[in-house]
């Protein structure tokens, strides 16, 4: 069964066609990567899949359900989580508090129950704490558990944002340029995290990335875009060697 099917996706912003007839399928257990020059439409596709934008045309099918018009606040409950190119964390909250926010989508209690902190709420809180601690251990974050995000190095913040996404217990994790701003060593660590997320947690990954060393290290399938249109798809090597991809990056 295909996990995510993108069929003829397109979106206009005024007179600009930012994404133009993009189709691809992500299979369970894959790391599927979208590459392309700046302005190719990569992050726009992420915003369409996570329902921040409405497509002008095309369909999004996730787990055999048409999610093309599903409200954005329902996407995490469907099993899709994402990170952002520019880190979106609560800087004046601790790592633990940021990760607990990721569990919010699984909250089943009502406001009155929360107000009086009834047994059901206490049990739910313990369940969320346990889930968060598992993610903290998985991503080697115990040393930062009680640290304010504001005081963390940039590379650690990247991992914390990924951790918060994992706390939503996703089936599909969208990583928007996970190596952006990282050193070579941190990028290598990121490759290991992505591989472990796929192999140990069983989470499928859809990634946008510029760093071709990371793309080559983790990707099963790569889609190249230019001006919102697909120009090549295949393995990392096949796509890198495709003449249209070389032309898009180098000109000609």
Protein backbone atom coordinates (compact mmCIF):
# COMPACT_ATOMS: atom_id res chain seq x y z
CA UNK A 1 0.00 0.00 0.00
CA UNK A 2 1.29 3.46 -0.93
CA UNK A 3 1.52 5.68 2.15
CA UNK A 4 1.35 9.06 0.38
CA UNK A 5 0.24 9.66 -3.19
CA UNK A 6 0.62 13.09 -4.74
CA UNK A 7 -1.37 13.29 -7.96
CA UNK A 8 -1.08 16.23 -10.38
CA UNK A 9 -0.45 18.75 -7.61
CA UNK A 10 -0.40 22.42 -8.60
CA UNK A 11 -0.74 25.76 -6.86
CA UNK A 12 -0.85 29.35 -8.08
CA UNK A 13 0.13 32.47 -6.16
CA UNK A 14 -1.37 35.27 -8.19
CA UNK A 15 0.05 34.80 -11.67
CA UNK A 16 2.90 32.55 -10.50
CA UNK A 17 2.64 28.78 -10.88
CA UNK A 18 4.74 27.72 -7.87
CA UNK A 19 4.03 24.00 -8.28
CA UNK A 20 2.98 22.66 -11.66
CA UNK A 21 1.65 19.12 -12.11
CA UNK A 22 3.79 17.26 -9.56
CA UNK A 23 3.05 13.57 -9.03
CA UNK A 24 4.91 11.02 -6.92
CA UNK A 25 4.27 8.19 -4.45
CA UNK A 26 5.96 7.50 -1.13
CA UNK A 27 5.99 3.87 -0.02
CA UNK A 28 5.97 2.79 3.65
CA UNK A 29 9.47 2.63 5.10
CA UNK A 30 11.04 4.85 2.45
CA UNK A 31 13.15 7.95 2.72
CA UNK A 32 11.88 9.99 -0.23
CA UNK A 33 13.78 13.20 -0.95
CA UNK A 34 12.85 16.26 -3.01
CA UNK A 35 15.72 18.36 -4.36
CA UNK A 36 16.04 21.39 -6.62
CA UNK A 37 17.46 24.90 -6.83
CA UNK A 38 16.09 27.73 -4.69
CA UNK A 39 12.57 28.58 -5.78
CA UNK A 40 11.93 25.15 -7.29
CA UNK A 41 8.80 24.61 -5.18
CA UNK A 42 10.14 22.13 -2.64
CA UNK A 43 8.90 23.74 0.57
CA UNK A 44 5.67 24.72 -1.19
CA UNK A 45 4.98 21.00 -1.68
CA UNK A 46 5.57 20.48 2.05
CA UNK A 47 3.11 23.27 2.80
CA UNK A 48 0.57 21.62 0.52
CA UNK A 49 1.02 18.17 2.09
CA UNK A 50 0.77 19.62 5.62
CA UNK A 51 -2.28 21.60 4.43
CA UNK A 52 -0.92 25.06 5.12
CA UNK A 53 -1.71 25.85 1.47
CA UNK A 54 -4.70 24.69 -0.58
CA UNK A 55 -3.79 23.27 -3.99
CA UNK A 56 -5.16 24.88 -7.13
CA UNK A 57 -5.51 21.41 -8.58
CA UNK A 58 -4.47 17.82 -7.87
CA UNK A 59 -5.03 15.39 -5.02
CA UNK A 60 -3.26 14.23 -1.87
CA UNK A 61 -3.97 10.66 -0.76
CA UNK A 62 -2.61 9.54 2.62
CA UNK A 63 -3.25 6.01 3.92
CA UNK A 64 -5.96 5.61 1.24
CA UNK A 65 -7.75 8.76 2.43
CA UNK A 66 -8.14 11.90 0.35
CA UNK A 67 -6.68 14.65 2.55
CA UNK A 68 -6.69 17.39 -0.12
CA UNK A 69 -9.20 19.48 1.84
CA UNK A 70 -8.53 18.24 5.36
CA UNK A 71 -8.07 21.22 7.76
CA UNK A 72 -4.44 21.86 8.79
CA UNK A 73 -5.13 21.20 12.49
CA UNK A 74 -6.26 17.66 11.64
CA UNK A 75 -3.10 16.66 9.77
CA UNK A 76 -1.04 15.68 12.84
CA UNK A 77 -3.89 13.46 14.04
CA UNK A 78 -3.84 11.72 10.66
CA UNK A 79 -0.19 10.80 11.26
CA UNK A 80 1.80 13.49 9.42
CA UNK A 81 4.37 15.58 11.32
CA UNK A 82 6.94 18.07 10.06
CA UNK A 83 9.91 20.22 10.87
CA UNK A 84 10.68 23.61 9.35
CA UNK A 85 13.63 25.08 7.48
CA UNK A 86 13.68 27.86 10.09
CA UNK A 87 13.38 26.19 13.48
CA UNK A 88 9.94 26.69 15.06
CA UNK A 89 10.33 25.99 18.79
CA UNK A 90 9.21 27.78 21.95
CA UNK A 91 12.54 29.31 22.93
CA UNK A 92 11.59 30.24 26.49
CA UNK A 93 10.33 26.73 27.27
CA UNK A 94 12.45 23.70 28.14
CA UNK A 95 13.16 20.80 25.81
CA UNK A 96 10.79 18.64 27.87
CA UNK A 97 7.99 21.19 27.62
CA UNK A 98 8.45 21.55 23.85
CA UNK A 99 8.29 17.79 23.40
CA UNK A 100 5.19 17.46 25.58
CA UNK A 101 3.46 19.85 23.18
CA UNK A 102 3.98 17.23 20.49
CA UNK A 103 1.83 14.83 22.52
CA UNK A 104 -1.07 17.30 22.56
CA UNK A 105 -2.65 15.72 19.47
CA UNK A 106 -3.25 12.56 21.53
CA UNK A 107 -5.01 14.37 24.38
CA UNK A 108 -8.43 12.83 25.01
CA UNK A 109 -9.51 14.62 28.18
CA UNK A 110 -11.93 17.52 28.32
CA UNK A 111 -11.32 21.00 29.70
CA UNK A 112 -13.20 20.38 32.97
CA UNK A 113 -11.22 17.19 33.56
CA UNK A 114 -7.99 19.10 32.94
CA UNK A 115 -9.13 21.85 35.31
CA UNK A 116 -9.63 19.43 38.21
CA UNK A 117 -6.73 17.17 37.21
CA UNK A 118 -8.83 14.03 37.56
CA UNK A 119 -7.41 10.51 37.47
CA UNK A 120 -7.87 10.18 33.73
CA UNK A 121 -5.80 13.33 33.18
CA UNK A 122 -3.08 12.15 35.56
CA UNK A 123 -2.81 8.82 33.74
CA UNK A 124 -2.70 10.58 30.40
CA UNK A 125 0.05 12.89 31.65
CA UNK A 126 2.13 9.91 32.76
CA UNK A 127 1.62 8.27 29.38
CA UNK A 128 2.77 11.42 27.59
CA UNK A 129 5.79 11.77 29.88
CA UNK A 130 6.81 8.20 29.16
CA UNK A 131 6.49 8.71 25.41
CA UNK A 132 8.56 11.91 25.57
CA UNK A 133 11.29 10.26 27.65
CA UNK A 134 11.55 7.49 25.08
CA UNK A 135 12.13 10.06 22.33
CA UNK A 136 14.64 11.95 24.51
CA UNK A 137 16.61 8.74 25.02
CA UNK A 138 16.32 7.76 21.37
CA UNK A 139 17.84 11.04 20.17
CA UNK A 140 20.44 11.30 22.96
CA UNK A 141 18.88 14.41 24.51
CA UNK A 142 18.90 13.59 28.27
CA UNK A 143 21.56 16.22 28.97
CA UNK A 144 19.26 18.91 27.54
CA UNK A 145 15.93 17.75 29.00
CA UNK A 146 15.49 20.69 31.38
CA UNK A 147 17.40 23.30 29.37
CA UNK A 148 15.65 26.28 27.83
CA UNK A 149 15.69 26.05 24.03
CA UNK A 150 17.02 29.63 24.00
CA UNK A 151 20.30 28.40 25.52
CA UNK A 152 20.89 25.45 23.19
CA UNK A 153 23.36 25.27 20.28
CA UNK A 154 21.76 25.46 16.84
CA UNK A 155 22.51 21.83 16.01
CA UNK A 156 20.80 20.60 19.18
CA UNK A 157 17.75 22.75 18.41
CA UNK A 158 17.46 20.97 15.06
CA UNK A 159 17.35 17.62 16.85
CA UNK A 160 14.84 18.94 19.41
CA UNK A 161 12.47 20.06 16.66
CA UNK A 162 12.71 16.62 15.08
CA UNK A 163 12.08 15.08 18.52
CA UNK A 164 8.92 17.17 18.98
CA UNK A 165 7.65 15.95 15.60
CA UNK A 166 8.32 12.34 16.64
CA UNK A 167 6.29 12.89 19.82
CA UNK A 168 3.17 13.18 17.65
CA UNK A 169 3.80 9.49 16.76
CA UNK A 170 3.74 10.08 13.01
CA UNK A 171 3.49 7.60 10.20
CA UNK A 172 5.06 10.15 7.86
CA UNK A 173 7.73 12.64 8.96
CA UNK A 174 8.37 15.69 6.77
CA UNK A 175 11.90 17.06 7.22
CA UNK A 176 12.43 20.48 5.63
CA UNK A 177 16.19 20.90 5.03
CA UNK A 178 17.31 19.08 8.21
CA UNK A 179 21.02 19.80 7.52
CA UNK A 180 20.54 23.56 7.01
CA UNK A 181 23.03 25.43 9.20
CA UNK A 182 24.73 22.27 10.47
CA UNK A 183 28.43 21.46 10.41
CA UNK A 184 29.78 18.47 8.48
CA UNK A 185 29.89 16.39 11.68
CA UNK A 186 26.34 17.40 12.65
CA UNK A 187 25.12 16.53 9.16
CA UNK A 188 26.66 13.07 9.48
CA UNK A 189 24.86 12.66 12.82
CA UNK A 190 21.62 13.78 11.17
CA UNK A 191 22.04 11.03 8.56
CA UNK A 192 22.27 8.45 11.35
CA UNK A 193 19.15 9.84 13.05
CA UNK A 194 17.16 9.69 9.83
CA UNK A 195 18.25 6.12 9.16
CA UNK A 196 17.35 5.11 12.72
CA UNK A 197 13.97 6.84 12.53
CA UNK A 198 13.20 4.78 9.44
CA UNK A 199 14.67 1.44 10.53
CA UNK A 200 14.10 1.43 14.31
CA UNK A 201 10.89 3.46 14.63
CA UNK A 202 9.36 2.42 11.30
CA UNK A 203 8.56 6.03 10.37
CA UNK A 204 8.51 6.93 6.68
CA UNK A 205 10.41 10.10 5.81
CA UNK A 206 9.70 12.73 3.14
CA UNK A 207 12.61 15.17 3.03
CA UNK A 208 13.57 18.39 1.29
CA UNK A 209 17.33 18.81 1.22
CA UNK A 210 20.18 20.68 -0.51
CA UNK A 211 23.13 18.74 0.92
CA UNK A 212 23.72 15.97 -1.61
CA UNK A 213 25.96 14.02 0.77
CA UNK A 214 22.99 13.64 3.12
CA UNK A 215 20.63 12.93 0.22
CA UNK A 216 22.93 10.17 -1.06
CA UNK A 217 23.42 8.69 2.41
CA UNK A 218 19.76 8.20 3.34
CA UNK A 219 17.48 8.41 0.28
CA UNK A 220 15.73 5.49 -1.39
CA UNK A 221 14.11 7.69 -4.03
CA UNK A 222 14.85 11.24 -5.16
CA UNK A 223 12.65 13.68 -7.07
CA UNK A 224 14.25 16.75 -8.68
CA UNK A 225 12.19 19.88 -9.34
CA UNK A 226 12.84 23.06 -11.26
CA UNK A 227 10.42 25.98 -11.51
CA UNK A 228 7.77 23.84 -9.82
CA UNK A 229 7.98 20.99 -12.33
CA UNK A 230 9.47 17.50 -12.01
CA UNK A 231 12.59 17.04 -14.13
CA UNK A 232 13.99 13.71 -12.88
CA UNK A 233 13.23 10.88 -10.46
CA UNK A 234 15.24 7.84 -9.40
CA UNK A 235 18.11 6.98 -7.09
CA UNK A 236 20.35 9.76 -5.79
CA UNK A 237 23.06 8.90 -8.32
CA UNK A 238 20.64 8.66 -11.25
CA UNK A 239 19.14 12.04 -10.45
CA UNK A 240 22.50 13.75 -9.87
CA UNK A 241 23.74 12.51 -13.24
CA UNK A 242 20.58 13.49 -15.13
CA UNK A 243 21.37 16.21 -17.71
CA UNK A 244 18.29 18.28 -16.85
CA UNK A 245 19.29 18.33 -13.18
CA UNK A 246 22.84 19.39 -14.03
CA UNK A 247 21.44 22.13 -16.26
CA UNK A 248 19.05 23.32 -13.52
CA UNK A 249 21.86 23.68 -10.99
CA UNK A 250 24.65 24.91 -13.26
CA UNK A 251 22.70 26.70 -15.99
CA UNK A 252 23.05 26.22 -19.69
